Amino acid sequence: MPMAVMSEETRKVLEKRIGLPLNQVSDLGVRGEAAHVKARTGMSLQFSKIHDSRRVGRGNPLLARNRITTIEEINTKIDALIK
């Protein structure tokens, strides 16, 4: 399967928008990406549990099926198991 090639202009635009060289972006883990977004925007990444019909069929299939579990829900379930 041939590898997709990005033009130099596209790479420069992405690097300017992201604020990091693309080779650094590819080396970031999930926590690194989240930390970078928070540092650039001042807001944490989060998934919404609110169903939005405009998202159906796009992006994360868990969002489309409303199957994202928040950390608060997990903590509530753990607390219920411990008690």
Protein backbone atom coordinates (compact mmCIF):
# COMPACT_ATOMS: atom_id res chain seq x y z
CA MET A 1 0.00 0.00 0.00
CA PRO A 2 1.56 3.34 -0.98
CA MET A 3 2.21 5.85 1.78
CA ALA A 4 0.39 9.19 1.54
CA VAL A 5 2.69 12.13 0.86
CA MET A 6 2.09 15.58 2.28
CA SER A 7 3.21 18.66 0.40
CA GLU A 8 5.73 21.00 2.03
CA GLU A 9 3.13 23.78 2.08
CA THR A 10 0.59 21.56 3.88
CA ARG A 11 3.23 20.49 6.41
CA LYS A 12 4.15 24.12 7.15
CA VAL A 13 0.50 25.13 7.61
CA LEU A 14 -0.13 22.21 9.98
CA GLU A 15 3.01 22.89 12.00
CA LYS A 16 2.05 26.56 12.34
CA ARG A 17 -1.49 25.67 13.41
CA ILE A 18 -0.44 22.92 15.84
CA GLY A 19 2.59 24.76 17.17
CA LEU A 20 4.92 21.75 16.93
CA PRO A 21 6.92 20.09 14.18
CA LEU A 22 4.99 17.11 12.77
CA ASN A 23 7.71 14.63 13.75
CA GLN A 24 7.21 15.73 17.38
CA VAL A 25 3.43 15.39 17.06
CA SER A 26 3.79 11.81 15.84
CA ASP A 27 5.97 11.00 18.88
CA LEU A 28 3.47 12.41 21.41
CA GLY A 29 1.30 10.00 23.34
CA VAL A 30 -2.31 10.65 24.29
CA ARG A 31 -1.31 12.43 27.49
CA GLY A 32 1.25 14.54 25.62
CA GLU A 33 -1.34 15.58 23.05
CA ALA A 34 -3.81 16.50 25.78
CA ALA A 35 -1.14 18.49 27.65
CA HIS A 36 -0.19 20.35 24.46
CA VAL A 37 -3.83 21.25 23.71
CA LYS A 38 -4.33 22.45 27.28
CA ALA A 39 -1.15 24.55 27.13
CA ARG A 40 -2.20 26.15 23.82
CA THR A 41 -5.90 26.68 24.54
CA GLY A 42 -6.16 26.74 28.32
CA MET A 43 -8.87 24.06 28.15
CA SER A 44 -8.72 20.32 28.73
CA LEU A 45 -9.84 17.83 26.09
CA GLN A 46 -13.08 16.09 26.97
CA PHE A 47 -15.78 14.03 25.34
CA SER A 48 -19.37 15.07 25.78
CA LYS A 49 -22.03 12.56 26.82
CA ILE A 50 -24.69 14.74 25.15
CA HIS A 51 -25.94 13.11 21.96
CA ASP A 52 -25.62 15.40 18.97
CA SER A 53 -27.18 14.06 15.75
CA ARG A 54 -24.69 16.10 13.68
CA ARG A 55 -21.90 13.80 14.89
CA VAL A 56 -23.54 10.53 13.84
CA GLY A 57 -21.47 8.75 11.23
CA ARG A 58 -18.45 11.02 11.68
CA GLY A 59 -15.32 10.70 13.76
CA ASN A 60 -15.23 8.47 16.80
CA PRO A 61 -17.76 5.61 16.56
CA LEU A 62 -18.13 5.67 20.34
CA LEU A 63 -19.39 9.25 20.14
CA ALA A 64 -21.82 8.33 17.39
CA ARG A 65 -23.23 5.51 19.54
CA ASN A 66 -23.18 7.62 22.73
CA ARG A 67 -20.90 5.08 24.42
CA ILE A 68 -18.25 7.36 25.91
CA THR A 69 -17.80 6.80 29.63
CA THR A 70 -16.61 9.79 31.62
CA ILE A 71 -14.14 9.51 34.49
CA GLU A 72 -16.88 10.69 36.85
CA GLU A 73 -19.08 7.76 35.83
CA ILE A 74 -16.20 5.33 36.34
CA ASN A 75 -15.44 6.78 39.78
CA THR A 76 -19.12 6.50 40.74
CA LYS A 77 -19.17 2.83 39.71
CA ILE A 78 -15.94 2.11 41.62
CA ASP A 79 -17.32 3.85 44.73
CA ALA A 80 -20.48 1.73 44.49
CA LEU A 81 -18.40 -1.46 44.26
CA ILE A 82 -16.25 -0.52 47.25
CA LYS A 83 -19.19 0.30 49.54
